Protein backbone atom coordinates (compact mmCIF):
# COMPACT_ATOMS: atom_id res chain seq x y z
CA MET A 1 26.84 -70.84 22.93
CA THR A 2 27.77 -68.32 20.86
CA LEU A 3 24.65 -66.93 18.66
CA THR A 4 25.14 -66.97 15.11
CA ILE A 5 25.03 -63.13 13.12
CA ALA A 6 21.54 -64.55 11.90
CA GLU A 7 20.30 -65.31 15.53
CA THR A 8 21.89 -62.12 17.64
CA PRO A 9 19.64 -59.30 17.73
CA PHE A 10 21.39 -56.57 18.08
CA ASP A 11 25.26 -56.44 17.91
CA THR A 12 27.81 -53.85 16.25
CA LEU A 13 30.51 -53.61 13.71
CA PRO A 14 33.49 -52.75 16.41
CA ALA A 15 32.44 -55.90 18.61
CA CYS A 16 32.65 -58.22 15.35
CA ILE A 17 35.87 -56.50 14.38
CA ALA A 18 37.09 -57.48 17.86
CA ARG A 19 35.65 -61.22 18.23
CA HIS A 20 37.65 -61.32 14.67
CA ALA A 21 40.52 -59.78 15.85
CA ALA A 22 41.39 -62.18 18.58
CA ALA A 23 40.25 -65.73 17.12
CA ARG A 24 42.03 -64.83 13.74
CA PRO A 25 44.36 -61.60 14.56
CA GLY A 26 46.39 -62.48 10.79
CA ALA A 27 43.36 -62.67 8.95
CA PRO A 28 43.25 -59.62 5.50
CA ALA A 29 40.57 -57.55 6.85
CA LEU A 30 41.33 -54.14 5.08
CA ALA A 31 43.60 -53.20 1.69
CA ASP A 32 44.07 -50.22 -0.94
CA ASP A 33 47.01 -49.80 -3.56
CA LYS A 34 49.34 -48.80 -0.64
CA ILE A 35 48.45 -50.28 2.99
CA ALA A 36 47.05 -53.48 4.45
CA LEU A 37 45.68 -54.19 7.32
CA SER A 38 45.08 -57.92 9.26
CA TYR A 39 42.02 -58.10 11.46
CA GLY A 40 44.42 -57.88 14.51
CA GLN A 41 46.10 -54.46 12.81
CA LEU A 42 42.89 -53.03 12.53
CA ASP A 43 41.27 -53.31 15.58
CA ALA A 44 44.81 -51.90 17.06
CA LEU A 45 43.95 -49.04 15.54
CA MET A 46 40.75 -48.44 15.72
CA ASN A 47 41.82 -48.30 19.43
CA ARG A 48 44.31 -45.53 18.75
CA ILE A 49 41.15 -44.09 17.10
CA ALA A 50 38.64 -44.30 19.68
CA ALA A 51 41.11 -43.60 22.56
CA ALA A 52 42.82 -40.37 20.37
CA LEU A 53 38.70 -38.89 20.27
CA GLN A 54 38.14 -39.46 23.74
CA ARG A 55 41.14 -37.60 24.55
CA ASP A 56 39.85 -34.89 22.43
CA GLY A 57 36.49 -34.65 24.67
CA LEU A 58 34.79 -36.51 21.96
CA LYS A 59 31.49 -38.13 23.62
CA PRO A 60 29.28 -40.66 22.46
CA GLY A 61 26.55 -39.07 20.14
CA ASP A 62 29.43 -36.39 19.31
CA ALA A 63 29.63 -35.99 15.50
CA ILE A 64 33.08 -35.55 13.15
CA ALA A 65 33.12 -35.43 9.26
CA LEU A 66 35.37 -37.44 6.78
CA CYS A 67 35.67 -36.02 3.63
CA ALA A 68 38.59 -38.22 1.26
CA ALA A 69 39.07 -40.37 -1.37
CA ALA A 70 38.22 -43.98 -0.17
CA SER A 71 41.47 -45.99 1.44
CA VAL A 72 42.49 -47.91 4.45
CA PRO A 73 42.97 -45.34 7.02
CA LEU A 74 39.72 -43.34 5.53
CA ALA A 75 37.92 -46.88 6.42
CA ALA A 76 39.72 -47.57 10.00
CA LEU A 77 38.64 -43.90 11.22
CA PHE A 78 35.53 -44.81 10.44
CA SER A 79 35.09 -47.53 12.13
CA GLY A 80 37.40 -46.42 15.11
CA ALA A 81 34.92 -43.46 15.59
CA LEU A 82 32.52 -46.19 16.09
CA ARG A 83 33.83 -47.81 18.69
CA ALA A 84 33.66 -44.56 20.58
CA GLY A 85 30.39 -44.04 20.08
CA VAL A 86 31.33 -40.80 17.91
CA VAL A 87 29.13 -40.45 14.85
CA VAL A 88 30.67 -40.23 11.41
CA ALA A 89 29.27 -37.53 8.92
CA PRO A 90 31.17 -38.79 5.53
CA LEU A 91 31.10 -35.98 2.78
CA ALA A 92 31.50 -36.37 -0.88
CA PRO A 93 34.71 -34.88 -2.10
CA GLY A 94 34.52 -32.78 -5.22
CA SER A 95 31.38 -31.36 -3.62
CA ALA A 96 30.95 -27.53 -3.98
CA PRO A 97 32.92 -25.60 -0.65
CA ALA A 98 30.21 -23.85 0.63
CA SER A 99 27.82 -26.78 0.72
CA LEU A 100 31.16 -28.85 2.03
CA ARG A 101 31.26 -26.60 4.64
CA ARG A 102 27.51 -26.31 5.12
CA MET A 103 27.25 -30.31 6.03
CA VAL A 104 30.37 -29.89 8.34
CA ASP A 105 28.01 -27.20 9.98
CA ASP A 106 24.96 -29.22 10.08
CA ALA A 107 25.99 -32.20 11.47
CA GLN A 108 28.22 -29.66 13.70
CA ALA A 109 30.90 -31.90 13.75
CA ARG A 110 33.66 -31.10 16.56
CA ARG A 111 36.38 -32.87 14.23
CA LEU A 112 37.30 -32.75 10.79
CA PHE A 113 39.26 -35.49 8.64
CA LEU A 114 40.82 -35.01 5.07
CA ASP A 115 42.73 -35.63 2.64
CA ALA A 116 45.62 -33.34 0.53
CA ALA A 117 42.32 -32.92 -2.26
CA SER A 118 39.56 -32.02 0.00
CA GLU A 119 41.89 -29.86 2.22
CA ALA A 120 41.13 -26.29 0.34
CA ASP A 121 37.17 -26.29 0.47
CA PHE A 122 37.24 -26.29 4.30
CA ALA A 123 39.79 -23.51 4.55
CA GLY A 124 38.57 -21.23 7.14
CA SER A 125 36.17 -23.75 8.90
CA GLY A 126 37.04 -23.57 12.36
CA VAL A 127 36.67 -27.29 12.85
CA PRO A 128 39.94 -28.84 14.14
CA THR A 129 41.05 -30.98 11.05
CA THR A 130 43.50 -33.74 10.39
CA ARG A 131 45.12 -34.54 7.29
CA ILE A 132 44.58 -38.22 6.98
CA ASP A 133 47.50 -38.93 4.54
CA THR A 134 50.36 -36.66 6.30
CA ALA A 135 49.18 -35.67 10.02
CA LEU A 136 47.06 -38.92 11.56
CA ASP A 137 50.31 -40.80 13.06
CA ALA A 138 50.64 -38.08 15.08
CA TRP A 139 47.44 -37.66 15.79
CA LEU A 140 46.27 -41.47 17.00
CA ALA A 141 46.58 -41.98 20.78
CA PRO A 142 49.97 -44.20 21.70
CA ALA A 143 50.08 -47.65 20.34
CA ASP A 144 49.22 -49.78 23.59
CA ALA A 145 46.10 -47.30 23.71
CA GLN A 146 42.81 -48.98 25.01
CA PRO A 147 39.52 -46.31 24.65
CA GLU A 148 36.77 -46.17 27.19
CA ALA A 149 34.57 -49.18 26.56
CA VAL A 150 31.37 -47.64 25.45
CA ASP A 151 27.65 -49.16 25.38
CA ILE A 152 26.50 -48.91 21.96
CA ARG A 153 22.56 -49.02 21.82
CA PRO A 154 20.46 -49.83 18.43
CA GLU A 155 18.99 -46.58 18.65
CA TRP A 156 22.20 -44.13 18.74
CA PRO A 157 22.90 -42.69 15.97
CA PHE A 158 25.49 -44.17 13.66
CA ASN A 159 25.97 -41.86 11.09
CA ILE A 160 24.73 -39.01 8.88
CA ILE A 161 24.70 -39.46 5.29
CA TYR A 162 24.38 -36.13 3.32
CA SER A 163 21.79 -36.41 0.29
CA SER A 164 23.05 -35.21 -3.13
CA GLY A 165 20.20 -33.53 -4.30
CA THR A 166 19.95 -31.19 -7.51
CA THR A 167 17.91 -28.56 -5.82
CA GLY A 168 17.74 -27.08 -2.72
CA GLU A 169 19.97 -28.15 0.88
CA PRO A 170 21.18 -31.90 1.42
CA LYS A 171 19.44 -33.29 4.02
CA GLY A 172 21.33 -35.68 6.59
CA ILE A 173 20.50 -38.57 6.95
CA VAL A 174 20.62 -39.91 10.43
CA GLN A 175 21.31 -43.81 10.69
CA PRO A 176 21.18 -45.52 13.76
CA HIS A 177 23.16 -48.72 14.95
CA GLY A 178 20.51 -50.63 15.00
CA MET A 179 19.60 -50.05 10.80
CA ARG A 180 22.97 -51.30 10.03
CA TRP A 181 23.42 -54.06 12.30
CA ALA A 182 19.82 -55.26 9.84
CA HIS A 183 21.93 -54.42 7.14
CA VAL A 184 24.66 -57.08 8.55
CA LYS A 185 22.09 -59.58 8.99
CA ARG A 186 20.49 -59.19 5.44
CA GLY A 187 24.04 -60.46 4.30
CA VAL A 188 23.27 -64.07 6.10
CA PRO A 189 22.22 -65.90 3.00
CA TYR A 190 25.29 -63.97 0.61
CA GLY A 191 28.06 -66.09 1.78
CA TYR A 192 29.84 -63.11 3.39
CA GLY A 193 32.28 -64.91 6.05
CA PRO A 194 36.06 -65.64 6.52
CA GLU A 195 37.28 -66.54 2.91
CA ALA A 196 35.03 -63.74 1.30
CA VAL A 197 36.72 -61.20 -0.78
CA THR A 198 35.04 -58.08 -1.51
CA LEU A 199 36.47 -55.51 -3.57
CA LEU A 200 35.10 -52.00 -3.84
CA ALA A 201 35.15 -49.84 -6.30
CA THR A 202 32.15 -46.63 -4.89
CA PRO A 203 33.36 -44.28 -2.45
CA LEU A 204 32.99 -44.83 1.31
CA TYR A 205 30.87 -41.74 1.68
CA SER A 206 28.00 -43.16 -0.44
CA ASN A 207 25.35 -45.97 1.24
CA THR A 208 26.01 -47.80 -1.72
CA THR A 209 29.13 -49.05 -0.34
CA LEU A 210 28.33 -49.15 3.23
CA VAL A 211 25.49 -52.03 2.71
CA VAL A 212 28.57 -54.39 1.51
CA PHE A 213 31.68 -52.83 3.37
CA PHE A 214 29.95 -53.24 6.72
CA PRO A 215 28.45 -56.54 5.82
CA SER A 216 32.12 -57.78 4.93
CA LEU A 217 34.06 -56.84 8.21
CA ALA A 218 31.02 -58.34 10.21
CA PHE A 219 31.52 -61.82 9.08
CA GLY A 220 35.06 -61.63 9.22
CA GLY A 221 36.36 -61.42 5.38
CA ALA A 222 38.37 -58.86 3.38
CA VAL A 223 37.57 -55.77 1.76
CA VAL A 224 40.00 -54.26 -1.00
CA LEU A 225 39.59 -50.83 -1.68
CA MET A 226 40.01 -48.73 -4.92
CA LYS A 227 40.05 -45.35 -4.93
CA LYS A 228 38.55 -44.55 -8.29
CA PHE A 229 36.62 -46.90 -10.23
CA ASP A 230 38.11 -48.13 -13.83
CA ALA A 231 37.16 -51.26 -15.70
CA ARG A 232 39.89 -52.62 -17.20
CA ARG A 233 41.62 -52.18 -13.46
CA TYR A 234 39.16 -53.38 -11.94
CA LEU A 235 38.98 -56.29 -13.66
CA GLU A 236 42.86 -57.09 -13.50
CA ILE A 237 42.50 -56.77 -9.28
CA ALA A 238 38.91 -59.20 -9.30
CA GLN A 239 41.35 -61.45 -11.46
CA GLU A 240 44.64 -60.72 -9.14
CA ILE A 241 42.56 -60.99 -5.62
CA ARG A 242 40.01 -63.68 -6.31
CA ALA A 243 37.16 -61.50 -5.08
CA THR A 244 34.28 -63.14 -4.29
CA HIS A 245 31.55 -60.45 -3.15
CA THR A 246 31.42 -56.54 -5.12
CA MET A 247 28.95 -53.75 -4.82
CA LEU A 248 28.51 -51.94 -8.31
CA VAL A 249 26.40 -49.22 -9.65
CA PRO A 250 24.56 -49.74 -13.01
CA VAL A 251 26.94 -47.56 -14.99
CA GLN A 252 29.87 -49.35 -13.67
CA TYR A 253 28.25 -52.87 -14.91
CA GLN A 254 27.90 -50.86 -18.29
CA ARG A 255 31.18 -50.18 -18.72
CA LEU A 256 32.71 -53.52 -17.98
CA MET A 257 30.77 -55.59 -19.90
CA ALA A 258 31.45 -53.36 -22.28
CA LEU A 259 34.98 -54.08 -22.60
CA PRO A 260 35.96 -55.91 -25.68
CA GLU A 261 38.32 -57.96 -23.12
CA PHE A 262 35.77 -58.74 -20.73
CA ASP A 263 35.42 -62.16 -21.56
CA GLY A 264 39.57 -62.83 -21.09
CA PHE A 265 39.33 -61.86 -17.34
CA ASP A 266 38.69 -65.02 -15.07
CA LEU A 267 36.05 -64.47 -12.39
CA SER A 268 35.17 -67.53 -11.86
CA SER A 269 36.17 -66.95 -7.93
CA PHE A 270 32.84 -64.68 -7.93
CA HIS A 271 30.02 -65.83 -5.40
CA MET A 272 28.04 -62.72 -5.70
CA LYS A 273 27.58 -59.05 -7.27
CA PHE A 274 24.82 -56.63 -5.70
CA CYS A 275 23.67 -53.38 -7.60
CA THR A 276 21.85 -50.11 -6.51
CA SER A 277 21.43 -46.71 -6.56
CA ALA A 278 19.96 -46.14 -9.96
CA PRO A 279 17.69 -47.83 -12.53
CA PHE A 280 19.16 -51.12 -13.45
CA PRO A 281 18.27 -52.29 -17.17
CA ALA A 282 16.88 -55.59 -17.75
CA ALA A 283 18.69 -55.99 -20.70
CA LEU A 284 22.65 -55.50 -18.38
CA LYS A 285 21.35 -57.58 -15.64
CA ALA A 286 20.54 -60.66 -18.51
CA ASP A 287 24.18 -59.69 -19.82
CA VAL A 288 26.11 -59.71 -16.23
CA LEU A 289 24.63 -63.22 -15.52
CA ALA A 290 24.92 -64.81 -19.12
CA ARG A 291 28.96 -63.72 -18.82
CA TRP A 292 29.99 -63.22 -15.28
CA PRO A 293 30.12 -65.91 -12.80
CA GLY A 294 28.44 -65.83 -8.96
CA GLY A 295 25.11 -64.68 -8.81
CA LEU A 296 23.53 -61.31 -9.09
CA VAL A 297 21.25 -59.18 -5.84
CA GLU A 298 19.78 -56.18 -6.88
CA PHE A 299 18.75 -53.90 -3.95
CA TYR A 300 16.11 -51.59 -4.31
CA GLY A 301 15.41 -48.72 -1.27
CA MET A 302 16.58 -45.44 0.23
CA THR A 303 19.38 -44.15 1.89
CA GLU A 304 16.63 -43.24 4.23
CA GLY A 305 15.41 -47.01 4.64
CA GLY A 306 11.87 -48.36 5.40
CA GLY A 307 11.26 -50.52 1.98
CA THR A 308 13.97 -52.75 0.57
CA CYS A 309 13.58 -54.58 -2.17
CA LEU A 310 15.29 -57.52 -3.45
CA LEU A 311 15.95 -58.77 -7.04
CA GLU A 312 17.96 -62.60 -6.87
CA ALA A 313 18.34 -62.01 -10.74
CA HIS A 314 20.21 -65.47 -10.82
CA LEU A 315 16.99 -66.88 -9.12
CA HIS A 316 14.70 -65.15 -11.11
CA PRO A 317 15.70 -64.96 -14.49
CA GLY A 318 11.92 -64.19 -15.73
CA LYS A 319 11.39 -60.62 -13.46
CA LEU A 320 14.55 -58.93 -14.70
CA HIS A 321 12.34 -55.69 -15.68
CA THR A 322 11.62 -55.90 -11.50
CA VAL A 323 13.58 -54.96 -8.46
CA GLY A 324 12.75 -58.23 -6.45
CA ARG A 325 10.04 -58.85 -3.63
CA PRO A 326 10.29 -57.02 -0.66
CA ALA A 327 13.18 -58.23 1.69
CA PRO A 328 12.28 -60.53 5.15
CA GLY A 329 10.75 -58.60 7.77
CA THR A 330 9.98 -55.78 5.11
CA ASP A 331 6.47 -54.30 4.83
CA MET A 332 5.70 -52.34 1.75
CA ARG A 333 2.21 -50.82 0.39
CA LEU A 334 1.00 -48.66 -2.34
CA ILE A 335 -0.57 -45.08 -1.44
CA ASP A 336 -2.47 -42.65 -3.54
CA GLU A 337 -1.74 -39.07 -3.98
CA ALA A 338 -4.36 -38.32 -1.11
CA GLY A 339 -2.60 -40.92 1.15
CA ARG A 340 -4.57 -43.57 1.00
CA GLU A 341 -3.56 -47.55 1.07
CA LEU A 342 -4.53 -48.55 -2.31
CA PRO A 343 -5.58 -52.50 -2.95
CA ALA A 344 -3.29 -54.91 -4.61
CA GLY A 345 -2.78 -54.72 -8.13
CA ALA A 346 -2.70 -50.80 -8.35
CA THR A 347 -0.42 -48.48 -9.09
CA GLY A 348 0.88 -45.88 -6.27
CA GLU A 349 3.93 -44.72 -4.60
CA VAL A 350 5.63 -47.19 -2.70
CA VAL A 351 5.64 -47.14 0.83
CA GLY A 352 7.87 -49.02 3.03
CA HIS A 353 8.69 -49.65 7.13
CA SER A 354 11.11 -52.42 8.56
CA PRO A 355 14.36 -52.55 11.37
CA GLY A 356 15.97 -50.81 8.81
CA MET A 357 14.75 -46.73 9.12
CA MET A 358 16.73 -44.08 9.28
CA VAL A 359 16.47 -41.74 12.99
CA GLY A 360 15.14 -38.46 10.69
CA TYR A 361 16.88 -35.83 8.56
CA HIS A 362 19.07 -34.20 10.97
CA ARG A 363 17.43 -30.96 12.23
CA ARG A 364 15.09 -31.04 10.22
CA PRO A 365 11.69 -32.49 11.77
CA GLU A 366 9.41 -30.85 8.87
CA ALA A 367 11.62 -32.64 6.01
CA THR A 368 11.28 -35.98 8.01
CA ARG A 369 7.40 -35.59 8.65
CA GLU A 370 6.97 -35.18 5.02
CA ALA A 371 9.18 -38.35 4.44
CA GLU A 372 6.96 -40.66 6.85
CA TRP A 373 3.32 -42.02 6.54
CA PHE A 374 1.40 -43.83 8.91
CA ASP A 375 -1.19 -46.46 8.78
CA ALA A 376 -4.41 -46.44 10.49
CA GLY A 377 -2.45 -48.44 12.97
CA GLY A 378 0.21 -46.10 14.05
CA LYS A 379 2.70 -48.07 11.74
CA ARG A 380 5.64 -45.85 10.80
CA PHE A 381 6.73 -46.13 7.11
CA ILE A 382 9.18 -44.19 4.83
CA ARG A 383 7.64 -42.71 1.76
CA THR A 384 10.31 -43.38 -1.74
CA GLY A 385 8.27 -40.77 -4.48
CA ASP A 386 8.43 -43.99 -6.25
CA ILE A 387 5.54 -45.00 -8.09
CA GLY A 388 5.09 -48.53 -8.64
CA ARG A 389 2.78 -51.74 -8.29
CA PHE A 390 3.30 -55.59 -7.76
CA ASP A 391 2.62 -58.48 -10.48
CA GLU A 392 1.20 -61.15 -9.57
CA ASP A 393 4.56 -63.04 -7.72
CA GLY A 394 4.81 -60.28 -5.47
CA PHE A 395 7.81 -58.34 -7.11
CA LEU A 396 8.21 -55.13 -7.11
CA ILE A 397 7.57 -52.92 -10.93
CA LEU A 398 8.57 -49.09 -10.89
CA MET A 399 6.99 -46.73 -12.91
CA ASP A 400 8.16 -43.72 -12.05
CA ARG A 401 9.07 -41.17 -9.40
CA ARG A 402 6.46 -39.32 -8.05
CA LYS A 403 7.66 -36.16 -8.78
CA ASP A 404 8.90 -36.90 -12.30
CA MET A 405 4.75 -37.49 -12.80
CA ILE A 406 3.69 -34.87 -15.25
CA ILE A 407 -0.35 -33.79 -15.52
CA SER A 408 -1.71 -32.82 -18.54
CA GLY A 409 -4.50 -31.48 -19.00
CA GLY A 410 -5.61 -33.68 -16.01
CA PHE A 411 -4.28 -36.13 -17.21
CA ASN A 412 -0.83 -38.33 -15.37
CA ILE A 413 1.77 -38.89 -18.10
CA TYR A 414 4.38 -41.24 -16.69
CA PRO A 415 7.57 -40.05 -18.27
CA SER A 416 8.97 -43.81 -18.19
CA ASP A 417 6.49 -45.32 -20.14
CA LEU A 418 7.13 -42.53 -23.32
CA GLU A 419 10.89 -43.21 -22.63
CA ALA A 420 10.47 -46.95 -22.92
CA GLN A 421 8.58 -46.35 -26.38
CA LEU A 422 11.25 -44.32 -27.77
CA ARG A 423 13.95 -46.20 -26.72
CA GLU A 424 11.91 -49.25 -29.18
CA HIS A 425 12.94 -47.40 -32.06
CA PRO A 426 16.09 -47.87 -34.04
CA ALA A 427 17.77 -44.48 -34.43
CA VAL A 428 17.09 -43.88 -30.61
CA ALA A 429 20.29 -44.41 -28.35
CA GLU A 430 18.65 -43.06 -25.07
CA ALA A 431 15.93 -41.04 -24.39
CA ALA A 432 14.26 -38.73 -21.36
CA VAL A 433 11.05 -37.08 -20.73
CA VAL A 434 10.55 -34.01 -18.74
CA GLY A 435 7.42 -31.96 -17.69
CA VAL A 436 7.62 -28.66 -18.66
CA PRO A 437 5.07 -25.79 -18.02
CA SER A 438 2.51 -25.20 -20.59
CA GLU A 439 -0.67 -22.36 -20.35
CA GLN A 440 -2.79 -24.69 -22.64
CA TRP A 441 -2.11 -28.18 -20.83
CA GLY A 442 -0.98 -26.45 -17.22
CA GLU A 443 2.28 -29.56 -17.64
CA THR A 444 3.42 -30.86 -21.34
CA PRO A 445 6.09 -33.81 -21.80
CA VAL A 446 9.05 -33.03 -23.75
CA ALA A 447 11.72 -35.83 -24.26
CA PHE A 448 15.52 -34.98 -25.48
CA VAL A 449 16.73 -38.05 -27.74
CA VAL A 450 19.97 -38.94 -28.32
CA ARG A 451 20.80 -40.70 -31.90
CA ARG A 452 23.02 -43.71 -32.35
CA PRO A 453 25.56 -42.63 -34.26
CA GLY A 454 24.91 -42.74 -37.74
CA ALA A 455 21.89 -42.03 -37.35
CA ALA A 456 19.63 -39.41 -39.28
CA ASP A 457 18.16 -36.60 -38.12
CA GLU A 458 14.37 -38.68 -37.18
CA GLY A 459 13.15 -35.17 -35.47
CA GLU A 460 9.22 -35.18 -37.39
CA ALA A 461 9.45 -38.90 -38.78
CA LEU A 462 10.22 -39.61 -35.01
CA ARG A 463 7.38 -37.33 -33.47
CA ALA A 464 4.88 -39.46 -35.68
CA TRP A 465 6.61 -42.99 -35.32
CA LEU A 466 5.89 -42.08 -31.65
CA ASN A 467 2.48 -40.55 -31.66
CA ALA A 468 0.79 -43.81 -33.44
CA ARG A 469 2.10 -45.95 -30.47
CA VAL A 470 1.05 -43.82 -27.41
CA GLY A 471 -2.21 -42.44 -26.06
CA LYS A 472 -3.60 -39.03 -27.49
CA THR A 473 -3.05 -37.12 -24.21
CA GLN A 474 0.91 -38.43 -24.17
CA ARG A 475 1.57 -36.96 -28.02
CA GLY A 476 3.81 -34.24 -29.22
CA GLY A 477 5.52 -31.92 -31.44
CA VAL A 478 8.85 -31.63 -32.18
CA ALA A 479 11.83 -28.75 -31.41
CA ARG A 480 15.87 -29.26 -32.23
CA GLY A 481 18.99 -28.57 -30.36
CA ARG A 482 21.67 -28.95 -28.38
CA ARG A 483 21.50 -30.26 -24.95
CA THR A 484 24.05 -31.54 -22.03
CA ALA A 485 23.44 -35.17 -20.25
CA ALA A 486 22.79 -32.95 -17.47
CA GLN A 487 20.09 -31.05 -19.34
CA PHE A 488 17.72 -34.07 -19.88
CA ASP A 489 19.09 -36.35 -17.21
CA ARG A 490 15.53 -36.60 -15.09
CA GLN A 491 16.71 -38.85 -12.66
CA GLY A 492 17.93 -35.96 -10.44
CA ALA A 493 19.19 -36.92 -7.26
CA GLN A 494 19.64 -40.66 -8.40
CA ALA A 495 21.46 -40.01 -11.20
CA GLN A 496 23.77 -37.40 -9.41
CA ALA A 497 24.57 -40.00 -6.89
CA ALA A 498 24.88 -42.58 -9.26
CA ARG A 499 27.87 -40.25 -11.25
CA ALA A 500 29.45 -39.64 -7.55
CA ALA A 501 29.17 -43.31 -6.66
CA CYS A 502 31.39 -44.20 -10.02
CA ASP A 503 33.17 -41.09 -10.28
CA VAL A 504 31.72 -40.15 -13.07
CA GLN A 505 31.92 -36.47 -14.88
CA CYS A 506 28.89 -35.57 -17.32
CA ARG A 507 29.84 -34.95 -20.51
CA PRO A 508 27.98 -32.91 -23.73
CA THR A 509 26.29 -35.83 -25.74
CA ARG A 510 26.01 -35.84 -29.35
CA SER A 511 22.75 -33.13 -31.15
CA LEU A 512 19.66 -33.84 -29.71
CA THR A 513 16.13 -34.43 -30.85
CA THR A 514 13.54 -32.65 -28.57
CA VAL A 515 10.55 -33.98 -29.00
CA SER A 516 7.94 -31.75 -26.55
CA GLY A 517 4.33 -32.47 -26.15
CA ARG A 518 1.16 -30.66 -27.16
């Protein structure tokens, strides 16, 4: 008897694709704006890729790096490398060349695959390089090639995903095959299958994309890739292909829902929509639920794994201010600044344990130890750095980032509290609060506020309005100036990852009112 994915303790993506190719060789698997592959064609191409890597001397555990826009060849390279037991390091095109070269070195990549846009970034890297847009066919093994079989184990590294932090060196997050299989099994309730058509407009170097890309193929559905997100074009494609599944980051949902012609598109084919990567405002979730057919699921978690929360928004419309409840098999707890576990109802840092957890940061044992927390019984958890609390129904409400918490005069100030209050003012379109050094208080909060079009410069009046609504330790004075979105963006790595995922560049804002702390 053949076990279903839900019943299988461990399997691999290459094995799933091989079974679909044997059972339904002509079924659609991958497509972009130029190429479409059936499962039979994808399986054969993966064999050629795996055989070519083995021919070049790569063994299980060796790494390759990929740096190119999303495409069928890139997706096939990722999948084919896995068949050979080779570890994939997907890199973000457009990153600083020096940073990209350091990532290749850190991953100890034996080969590099890129496209025209990234070629100059790796000049002089010394790593054997193949252009996937011009030279892939010449590099591939013969059409009938059969790679040496590899018995992949759950603990083997699957990929190395590099963090996109705003400070310091990006860290390589090593995710094992067992973690990826846990992501596949997590998709069981969400309608993946041979009839599913997943439309993806986020890049293949992002874990945001991969948590939907891999389950789509594992369950035998079709995946359609967009190289770059464009809101109207996304809707045109979704209507044309009768898309059933998608993953989008919040800013993409925002742009789609804001299109005047949104309601004119036929999106009735959608079964499930997913979101992750950045804060997803409750009002935006409600708008998606009201106007876009199908379910909506928000994932809260980290590329490092550990704790994952799922908000099935269509089933819990009264919980849109939360990020959901811990996923099945997930153990999530709260700890204080000293690492002590907190009781129910308390507010603290979120830590999590699950079948989906990183091995660690590549070649950075100290950073790995800093990311871990162990309970009294020695159970390993991953620290999120997020501050939150669970409500009476077990739904997680996020308060802030631990590192963003401002300690002023010995009091903890959460920027999100001030931001939420500022957004209540009719003249405020957006607000972000950061902490700055203060000789008198240690730290003091500063808020950068984007005014709504046509709103007067509220300055002193806005400060007085806010101070009347917050606690004494949160009250502030006023300064004025011009800032860019990058300068008032306190979300750091999270916002940078979201911008990268939807190919959004940071642009100067309108004149901002700066509301400073006491």
